[in-house]
Amino acid sequence: MSGDDPGPLIRLFGLTGGRARPQGETFDLVAIVTTIGDIPEPADLIPEHRAVLTLCRRPTPVADVAAHLRLPLNITRVILGDLRRDGLLAIDRPRPVAQTIDERIYREVLHGLRSL
């Protein structure tokens, strides 16, 4: 490590302000992250925040955000929690599979059962 490079641990500590957990409600790897509204000016954000907001213009799982940032999951969660707190992101739990089946499929199943 050179004298100019503080090393990865110092950098991660700086990204999260020393926090290891996000503020607010917890979320898991499959939670869906979506940017809300316009991205603030570059001077208002660190590069990692900007990268997350750009990536999440389309709904993106937390695991994919961490992989894109090449950061540990706990650090990514802190960053996402900060952006959510600032009203820049929505983090939603995926719906259970039972809730994703639409009414049409229920009708088809019911019709099939009645025809037996």
C-alpha atoms as a PDB file:
ATOM      1  CA  MET A   1       0.000   0.000   0.000  1.00  0.00           C
ATOM      2  CA  SER A   2       1.427   3.383  -0.973  1.00  0.00           C
ATOM      3  CA  GLY A   3       1.390   6.474   1.223  1.00  0.00           C
ATOM      4  CA  ASP A   4      -1.405   8.008  -0.902  1.00  0.00           C
ATOM      5  CA  ASP A   5      -3.759   5.018  -0.693  1.00  0.00           C
ATOM      6  CA  PRO A   6      -5.585   4.794   2.651  1.00  0.00           C
ATOM      7  CA  GLY A   7      -6.580   1.209   1.897  1.00  0.00           C
ATOM      8  CA  PRO A   8      -9.946  -0.411   1.383  1.00  0.00           C
ATOM      9  CA  LEU A   9     -11.044  -0.527   5.031  1.00  0.00           C
ATOM     10  CA  ILE A  10     -10.537   3.188   5.581  1.00  0.00           C
ATOM     11  CA  ARG A  11     -12.426   3.936   2.366  1.00  0.00           C
ATOM     12  CA  LEU A  12     -15.375   1.718   3.374  1.00  0.00           C
ATOM     13  CA  PHE A  13     -15.442   3.308   6.812  1.00  0.00           C
ATOM     14  CA  GLY A  14     -15.636   6.716   5.138  1.00  0.00           C
ATOM     15  CA  LEU A  15     -18.458   5.656   2.783  1.00  0.00           C
ATOM     16  CA  THR A  16     -20.683   4.632   5.679  1.00  0.00           C
ATOM     17  CA  GLY A  17     -19.512   7.019   8.380  1.00  0.00           C
ATOM     18  CA  GLY A  18     -18.473   3.968  10.396  1.00  0.00           C
ATOM     19  CA  ARG A  19     -21.954   2.422  10.323  1.00  0.00           C
ATOM     20  CA  ALA A  20     -22.365  -1.284   9.641  1.00  0.00           C
ATOM     21  CA  ARG A  21     -26.159  -1.322   9.354  1.00  0.00           C
ATOM     22  CA  PRO A  22     -28.627   0.815   7.418  1.00  0.00           C
ATOM     23  CA  GLN A  23     -30.958   3.136   9.256  1.00  0.00           C
ATOM     24  CA  GLY A  24     -34.652   2.380   9.193  1.00  0.00           C
ATOM     25  CA  GLU A  25     -36.424  -0.753   8.095  1.00  0.00           C
ATOM     26  CA  THR A  26     -34.192  -3.674   7.128  1.00  0.00           C
ATOM     27  CA  PHE A  27     -34.247  -5.228   3.667  1.00  0.00           C
ATOM     28  CA  ASP A  28     -32.770  -8.375   2.154  1.00  0.00           C
ATOM     29  CA  LEU A  29     -30.903  -9.355  -1.004  1.00  0.00           C
ATOM     30  CA  VAL A  30     -33.991  -9.703  -3.175  1.00  0.00           C
ATOM     31  CA  ALA A  31     -35.577  -6.400  -2.166  1.00  0.00           C
ATOM     32  CA  ILE A  32     -36.186  -4.215  -5.210  1.00  0.00           C
ATOM     33  CA  VAL A  33     -34.528  -0.790  -5.355  1.00  0.00           C
ATOM     34  CA  THR A  34     -35.951   1.970  -7.568  1.00  0.00           C
ATOM     35  CA  THR A  35     -34.836   5.585  -7.988  1.00  0.00           C
ATOM     36  CA  ILE A  36     -37.515   8.150  -7.148  1.00  0.00           C
ATOM     37  CA  GLY A  37     -37.604  11.336  -9.196  1.00  0.00           C
ATOM     38  CA  ASP A  38     -34.630  13.162 -10.663  1.00  0.00           C
ATOM     39  CA  ILE A  39     -31.037  12.580  -9.631  1.00  0.00           C
ATOM     40  CA  PRO A  40     -29.580  15.560  -7.724  1.00  0.00           C
ATOM     41  CA  GLU A  41     -26.631  17.575  -9.018  1.00  0.00           C
ATOM     42  CA  PRO A  42     -23.245  15.777  -9.022  1.00  0.00           C
ATOM     43  CA  ALA A  43     -21.837  18.037  -6.294  1.00  0.00           C
ATOM     44  CA  ASP A  44     -24.529  16.793  -3.883  1.00  0.00           C
ATOM     45  CA  LEU A  45     -23.618  13.099  -4.183  1.00  0.00           C
ATOM     46  CA  ILE A  46     -20.628  10.830  -3.764  1.00  0.00           C
ATOM     47  CA  PRO A  47     -19.821   8.652  -6.809  1.00  0.00           C
ATOM     48  CA  GLU A  48     -21.339   5.526  -5.230  1.00  0.00           C
ATOM     49  CA  HIS A  49     -24.643   7.323  -4.591  1.00  0.00           C
ATOM     50  CA  ARG A  50     -24.738   8.563  -8.166  1.00  0.00           C
ATOM     51  CA  ALA A  51     -23.976   5.051  -9.471  1.00  0.00           C
ATOM     52  CA  VAL A  52     -26.820   3.562  -7.413  1.00  0.00           C
ATOM     53  CA  LEU A  53     -29.326   6.185  -8.536  1.00  0.00           C
ATOM     54  CA  THR A  54     -28.357   5.721 -12.178  1.00  0.00           C
ATOM     55  CA  LEU A  55     -28.482   1.915 -11.975  1.00  0.00           C
ATOM     56  CA  CYS A  56     -31.802   1.859 -10.146  1.00  0.00           C
ATOM     57  CA  ARG A  57     -33.751   3.931 -12.640  1.00  0.00           C
ATOM     58  CA  ARG A  58     -35.060   0.474 -13.487  1.00  0.00           C
ATOM     59  CA  PRO A  59     -36.103  -1.758 -10.566  1.00  0.00           C
ATOM     60  CA  THR A  60     -32.975  -3.608  -9.405  1.00  0.00           C
ATOM     61  CA  PRO A  61     -32.447  -6.202  -6.628  1.00  0.00           C
ATOM     62  CA  VAL A  62     -30.151  -5.230  -3.751  1.00  0.00           C
ATOM     63  CA  ALA A  63     -27.766  -8.084  -4.653  1.00  0.00           C
ATOM     64  CA  ASP A  64     -27.330  -6.674  -8.157  1.00  0.00           C
ATOM     65  CA  VAL A  65     -26.632  -3.200  -6.778  1.00  0.00           C
ATOM     66  CA  ALA A  66     -23.892  -4.611  -4.512  1.00  0.00           C
ATOM     67  CA  ALA A  67     -22.374  -6.541  -7.417  1.00  0.00           C
ATOM     68  CA  HIS A  68     -22.430  -3.465  -9.651  1.00  0.00           C
ATOM     69  CA  LEU A  69     -20.759  -1.314  -6.984  1.00  0.00           C
ATOM     70  CA  ARG A  70     -18.259  -4.061  -6.141  1.00  0.00           C
ATOM     71  CA  LEU A  71     -18.836  -3.351  -2.475  1.00  0.00           C
ATOM     72  CA  PRO A  72     -19.652  -5.690   0.414  1.00  0.00           C
ATOM     73  CA  LEU A  73     -23.365  -6.212   0.979  1.00  0.00           C
ATOM     74  CA  ASN A  74     -23.449  -4.492   4.384  1.00  0.00           C
ATOM     75  CA  ILE A  75     -21.788  -1.367   2.933  1.00  0.00           C
ATOM     76  CA  THR A  76     -24.234  -1.383   0.013  1.00  0.00           C
ATOM     77  CA  ARG A  77     -27.149  -1.658   2.446  1.00  0.00           C
ATOM     78  CA  VAL A  78     -25.914   1.387   4.391  1.00  0.00           C
ATOM     79  CA  ILE A  79     -25.617   3.392   1.163  1.00  0.00           C
ATOM     80  CA  LEU A  80     -29.111   2.300   0.069  1.00  0.00           C
ATOM     81  CA  GLY A  81     -30.518   3.117   3.498  1.00  0.00           C
ATOM     82  CA  ASP A  82     -29.041   6.619   3.322  1.00  0.00           C
ATOM     83  CA  LEU A  83     -30.505   7.233  -0.127  1.00  0.00           C
ATOM     84  CA  ARG A  84     -33.891   5.911   1.047  1.00  0.00           C
ATOM     85  CA  ARG A  85     -33.757   8.216   4.093  1.00  0.00           C
ATOM     86  CA  ASP A  86     -33.076  11.155   1.763  1.00  0.00           C
ATOM     87  CA  GLY A  87     -36.143  10.251  -0.316  1.00  0.00           C
ATOM     88  CA  LEU A  88     -34.140   9.334  -3.417  1.00  0.00           C
ATOM     89  CA  LEU A  89     -34.874   5.584  -3.451  1.00  0.00           C
ATOM     90  CA  ALA A  90     -37.725   3.216  -2.789  1.00  0.00           C
ATOM     91  CA  ILE A  91     -36.825  -0.216  -1.440  1.00  0.00           C
ATOM     92  CA  ASP A  92     -39.656  -2.718  -1.731  1.00  0.00           C
ATOM     93  CA  ARG A  93     -39.869  -6.303  -0.679  1.00  0.00           C
ATOM     94  CA  PRO A  94     -40.763  -8.580  -3.553  1.00  0.00           C
ATOM     95  CA  ARG A  95     -44.319  -9.807  -3.464  1.00  0.00           C
ATOM     96  CA  PRO A  96     -44.757 -13.445  -2.465  1.00  0.00           C
ATOM     97  CA  VAL A  97     -45.370 -15.703  -5.447  1.00  0.00           C
ATOM     98  CA  ALA A  98     -48.947 -16.314  -4.309  1.00  0.00           C
ATOM     99  CA  GLN A  99     -49.677 -12.603  -4.730  1.00  0.00           C
ATOM    100  CA  THR A 100     -48.177 -12.376  -8.217  1.00  0.00           C
ATOM    101  CA  ILE A 101     -50.713 -14.710  -9.829  1.00  0.00           C
ATOM    102  CA  ASP A 102     -53.349 -12.610 -11.476  1.00  0.00           C
ATOM    103  CA  GLU A 103     -57.092 -13.105 -11.263  1.00  0.00           C
ATOM    104  CA  ARG A 104     -57.253 -14.598 -14.775  1.00  0.00           C
ATOM    105  CA  ILE A 105     -55.207 -17.606 -13.677  1.00  0.00           C
ATOM    106  CA  TYR A 106     -57.474 -18.168 -10.666  1.00  0.00           C
ATOM    107  CA  ARG A 107     -60.501 -18.135 -12.980  1.00  0.00           C
ATOM    108  CA  GLU A 108     -58.869 -20.638 -15.335  1.00  0.00           C
ATOM    109  CA  VAL A 109     -58.055 -22.978 -12.440  1.00  0.00           C
ATOM    110  CA  LEU A 110     -61.581 -22.667 -11.075  1.00  0.00           C
ATOM    111  CA  HIS A 111     -63.061 -23.329 -14.533  1.00  0.00           C
ATOM    112  CA  GLY A 112     -60.796 -26.371 -14.928  1.00  0.00           C
ATOM    113  CA  LEU A 113     -61.870 -27.753 -11.559  1.00  0.00           C
ATOM    114  CA  ARG A 114     -65.543 -27.259 -12.352  1.00  0.00           C
ATOM    115  CA  SER A 115     -65.149 -29.082 -15.648  1.00  0.00           C
ATOM    116  CA  LEU A 116     -63.858 -32.191 -13.853  1.00  0.00           C
END
